[in-house]
Amino acid sequence: MRGSGFATARDLARLYKSRTPLLETARTRLEQATQDALQGVPHVDRIVYRIKDRRSFVEKALDPENDPPYQHPLREIEDQLGGRVIVFFLTDLGVVRERLKGTFTEVEWSRRQPDRDEEFGYESDHLICVLPPQVKTDAWGDHVDMPTTFELQLRTVFMHAYAEPQHDLAYKAAHELPKGVRRELAWIAASAWGADHAYERVMRAYRKGSA
């Protein structure tokens, strides 16, 4: 079995690259398993999985702000394999999560949202699930410190419409964003939040009228 010891960022990148074919196969199988699990569930806009970019993986593994630092990043970093399910309405988030429990073993769930009620910003349901045996190839066992879990995000269309551009503009910015730009982003976040809750009210009214 090939070990996972590394001395430099280059060593870690090389080791991660060597596992990419295994991760790609697992990604494909996870996506198919999720599609199968959600077959017939209404209001699912899209299902997509990705492998963490090698550069992003190395930066996360060696980030000096990690507390505690990763001892075995090739096993411990949970979003090497990440999936996303986008739905139409807020109430669909719970429906999708419950359906996926029949396919994946959930070990952690969190609702990412601003800490204070008067703030608006990034929102998403984050799940950490066990990688099922059927998504791994036989060669998976040839490596030590392979990941044992994957990350799955559940979002509404409006959550996603805010989160992706905001991630590029804010988190990837090379310098501090001006106050006016930050206020614009806050307004967009508030608009997305308002749209989600307005749709919920419309859906309740529609269902009440159709009853």
Protein backbone atom coordinates (compact mmCIF):
# COMPACT_ATOMS: atom_id res chain seq x y z
CA MET A 1 0.00 0.00 0.00
CA ARG A 2 1.33 3.41 -0.89
CA GLY A 3 1.82 5.74 2.05
CA SER A 4 0.64 9.33 2.40
CA GLY A 5 3.68 10.90 4.05
CA PHE A 6 4.75 14.22 2.54
CA ALA A 7 7.31 16.87 3.25
CA THR A 8 6.34 19.72 0.97
CA ALA A 9 3.33 21.17 -0.84
CA ARG A 10 4.72 19.62 -4.03
CA ASP A 11 4.79 16.17 -2.42
CA LEU A 12 1.22 16.55 -1.22
CA ALA A 13 0.07 17.75 -4.65
CA ARG A 14 1.75 14.74 -6.27
CA LEU A 15 0.06 12.31 -3.90
CA TYR A 16 -3.30 13.96 -4.40
CA LYS A 17 -2.90 13.84 -8.19
CA SER A 18 -2.16 10.11 -8.06
CA ARG A 19 -5.58 9.54 -6.50
CA THR A 20 -7.52 11.65 -8.97
CA PRO A 21 -8.70 8.71 -11.12
CA LEU A 22 -10.10 6.97 -8.03
CA LEU A 23 -11.83 10.13 -6.89
CA GLU A 24 -13.24 10.71 -10.37
CA THR A 25 -14.81 7.25 -10.44
CA ALA A 26 -16.25 7.79 -6.97
CA ARG A 27 -17.59 11.18 -8.06
CA THR A 28 -19.41 9.65 -11.02
CA ARG A 29 -20.91 6.89 -8.90
CA LEU A 30 -21.97 9.29 -6.13
CA GLU A 31 -23.73 11.49 -8.66
CA GLN A 32 -25.57 8.52 -10.12
CA ALA A 33 -26.53 7.23 -6.68
CA THR A 34 -27.92 10.65 -5.75
CA GLN A 35 -29.88 10.87 -8.99
CA ASP A 36 -31.33 7.42 -8.35
CA ALA A 37 -32.24 8.31 -4.76
CA LEU A 38 -34.05 11.47 -5.81
CA GLN A 39 -35.83 9.97 -8.80
CA GLY A 40 -39.40 11.23 -8.76
CA VAL A 41 -38.79 13.87 -6.07
CA PRO A 42 -40.34 17.12 -7.34
CA HIS A 43 -38.64 20.50 -7.53
CA VAL A 44 -35.06 19.22 -7.92
CA ASP A 45 -33.32 21.63 -10.27
CA ARG A 46 -29.92 19.95 -10.58
CA ILE A 47 -27.53 17.44 -9.03
CA VAL A 48 -23.80 17.85 -9.53
CA TYR A 49 -20.63 16.49 -7.94
CA ARG A 50 -17.03 17.62 -8.24
CA ILE A 51 -13.53 16.68 -7.12
CA LYS A 52 -11.69 19.30 -5.09
CA ASP A 53 -9.18 21.16 -7.17
CA ARG A 54 -5.60 20.07 -6.43
CA ARG A 55 -4.41 23.59 -5.65
CA SER A 56 -7.37 24.22 -3.34
CA PHE A 57 -6.72 20.93 -1.59
CA VAL A 58 -3.06 21.74 -0.92
CA GLU A 59 -3.90 25.26 0.28
CA LYS A 60 -6.52 23.91 2.66
CA ALA A 61 -4.25 21.13 3.92
CA LEU A 62 -1.38 23.52 4.70
CA ASP A 63 -3.36 26.55 5.82
CA PRO A 64 -1.56 27.88 8.92
CA GLU A 65 -4.90 28.97 10.38
CA ASN A 66 -6.14 25.38 10.67
CA ASP A 67 -6.85 24.72 14.34
CA PRO A 68 -5.93 22.01 14.94
CA PRO A 69 -3.74 21.45 11.86
CA TYR A 70 -4.44 18.46 9.65
CA GLN A 71 -2.30 15.47 10.54
CA HIS A 72 -3.56 13.29 7.68
CA PRO A 73 -5.15 15.67 5.15
CA LEU A 74 -5.57 13.01 2.46
CA ARG A 75 -8.00 11.28 4.80
CA GLU A 76 -9.27 14.13 6.98
CA ILE A 77 -10.32 16.75 4.43
CA GLU A 78 -13.99 15.98 3.94
CA ASP A 79 -14.74 17.92 0.78
CA GLN A 80 -12.31 16.16 -1.57
CA LEU A 81 -15.54 14.82 -3.02
CA GLY A 82 -18.40 17.30 -2.93
CA GLY A 83 -21.94 17.22 -4.19
CA ARG A 84 -24.68 19.78 -4.51
CA VAL A 85 -28.43 19.40 -4.87
CA ILE A 86 -30.33 22.53 -5.93
CA VAL A 87 -34.06 22.67 -5.27
CA PHE A 88 -36.82 25.19 -5.94
CA PHE A 89 -38.25 25.84 -2.48
CA LEU A 90 -37.12 25.96 1.15
CA THR A 91 -39.44 23.12 2.13
CA ASP A 92 -37.79 20.92 -0.50
CA LEU A 93 -34.53 20.96 1.47
CA GLY A 94 -35.97 18.75 4.21
CA VAL A 95 -37.67 16.46 1.69
CA VAL A 96 -34.42 15.87 -0.18
CA ARG A 97 -32.43 15.33 3.00
CA GLU A 98 -34.87 12.71 4.28
CA ARG A 99 -34.84 10.87 0.94
CA LEU A 100 -31.04 10.80 0.83
CA LYS A 101 -30.90 9.23 4.29
CA GLY A 102 -32.06 6.02 2.62
CA THR A 103 -28.94 6.00 0.43
CA PHE A 104 -26.18 7.67 2.43
CA THR A 105 -25.18 7.47 6.09
CA GLU A 106 -25.19 11.01 7.44
CA VAL A 107 -22.62 11.74 10.14
CA GLU A 108 -22.98 15.51 10.38
CA TRP A 109 -25.50 18.17 9.39
CA SER A 110 -25.32 21.92 9.75
CA ARG A 111 -27.27 24.90 8.48
CA ARG A 112 -24.82 27.58 7.38
CA GLN A 113 -26.35 31.00 7.87
CA PRO A 114 -25.45 34.40 9.36
CA ASP A 115 -25.07 34.42 13.14
CA ARG A 116 -27.24 37.47 13.73
CA ASP A 117 -30.88 37.87 12.74
CA GLU A 118 -30.30 41.30 11.23
CA GLU A 119 -27.61 39.98 8.88
CA PHE A 120 -27.99 38.42 5.45
CA GLY A 121 -25.40 36.31 3.71
CA TYR A 122 -24.42 32.79 2.72
CA GLU A 123 -26.97 30.06 3.50
CA SER A 124 -26.80 26.36 2.74
CA ASP A 125 -27.42 22.97 4.34
CA HIS A 126 -24.11 21.08 4.68
CA LEU A 127 -24.06 17.32 5.15
CA ILE A 128 -21.08 15.06 5.78
CA CYS A 129 -21.85 11.50 4.72
CA VAL A 130 -19.94 8.23 4.72
CA LEU A 131 -18.54 7.16 1.36
CA PRO A 132 -20.47 3.97 0.57
CA PRO A 133 -18.42 0.91 -0.48
CA GLN A 134 -20.08 0.69 -3.90
CA VAL A 135 -18.56 3.98 -5.09
CA LYS A 136 -14.98 2.78 -4.50
CA THR A 137 -12.99 0.82 -7.06
CA ASP A 138 -10.83 -2.18 -6.13
CA ALA A 139 -7.73 0.05 -6.39
CA TRP A 140 -9.05 2.20 -3.52
CA GLY A 141 -7.38 -0.18 -1.09
CA ASP A 142 -3.98 0.30 -2.74
CA HIS A 143 -3.65 3.67 -1.01
CA VAL A 144 -3.58 4.53 2.67
CA ASP A 145 -5.38 7.57 4.03
CA MET A 146 -8.11 7.66 1.41
CA PRO A 147 -11.11 9.82 2.39
CA THR A 148 -13.93 8.08 4.22
CA THR A 149 -16.56 10.81 3.88
CA PHE A 150 -17.85 13.35 1.37
CA GLU A 151 -19.62 16.69 1.61
CA LEU A 152 -23.10 17.33 0.26
CA GLN A 153 -24.68 20.78 0.04
CA LEU A 154 -28.42 21.34 -0.27
CA ARG A 155 -29.50 24.77 -1.52
CA THR A 156 -32.45 26.51 -3.07
CA VAL A 157 -32.04 28.16 -6.46
CA PHE A 158 -31.89 31.56 -4.79
CA MET A 159 -29.33 30.43 -2.20
CA HIS A 160 -27.16 29.16 -5.04
CA ALA A 161 -27.65 32.26 -7.17
CA TYR A 162 -26.21 34.33 -4.34
CA ALA A 163 -23.52 31.95 -3.08
CA GLU A 164 -21.58 31.21 -6.26
CA PRO A 165 -20.98 34.76 -7.56
CA GLN A 166 -20.42 35.96 -3.99
CA HIS A 167 -17.77 33.30 -3.48
CA ASP A 168 -15.84 34.47 -6.52
CA LEU A 169 -16.22 38.16 -5.73
CA ALA A 170 -15.65 38.16 -2.00
CA TYR A 171 -13.68 35.10 -0.92
CA LYS A 172 -11.39 35.05 -3.94
CA ALA A 173 -10.78 38.80 -3.94
CA ALA A 174 -7.11 39.69 -3.79
CA HIS A 175 -7.83 42.75 -1.62
CA GLU A 176 -10.47 44.07 0.76
CA LEU A 177 -13.71 44.89 -1.00
CA PRO A 178 -14.89 48.52 -0.74
CA LYS A 179 -17.72 49.26 1.66
CA GLY A 180 -20.11 50.05 -1.17
CA VAL A 181 -19.48 46.66 -2.79
CA ARG A 182 -20.03 44.86 0.51
CA ARG A 183 -23.31 46.68 0.94
CA GLU A 184 -24.36 45.65 -2.57
CA LEU A 185 -23.59 42.01 -1.72
CA ALA A 186 -25.62 42.30 1.48
CA TRP A 187 -28.54 43.69 -0.54
CA ILE A 188 -28.31 40.76 -2.98
CA ALA A 189 -28.27 38.31 -0.06
CA ALA A 190 -31.31 39.96 1.50
CA SER A 191 -33.12 39.85 -1.84
CA ALA A 192 -32.37 36.13 -2.25
CA TRP A 193 -33.60 35.44 1.30
CA GLY A 194 -36.74 37.43 0.64
CA ALA A 195 -37.41 35.64 -2.64
CA ASP A 196 -37.14 32.23 -0.98
CA HIS A 197 -39.60 33.17 1.75
CA ALA A 198 -41.96 34.86 -0.72
CA TYR A 199 -42.06 31.67 -2.77
CA GLU A 200 -42.90 29.71 0.39
CA ARG A 201 -45.87 32.00 1.05
CA VAL A 202 -47.02 31.63 -2.56
CA MET A 203 -46.74 27.84 -2.34
CA ARG A 204 -48.76 27.73 0.89
CA ALA A 205 -51.45 29.92 -0.64
CA TYR A 206 -51.52 27.78 -3.78
CA ARG A 207 -51.81 24.54 -1.82
CA LYS A 208 -54.52 26.00 0.42
CA GLY A 209 -56.49 27.12 -2.62
CA SER A 210 -56.10 23.73 -4.31
CA ALA A 211 -57.19 21.77 -1.23
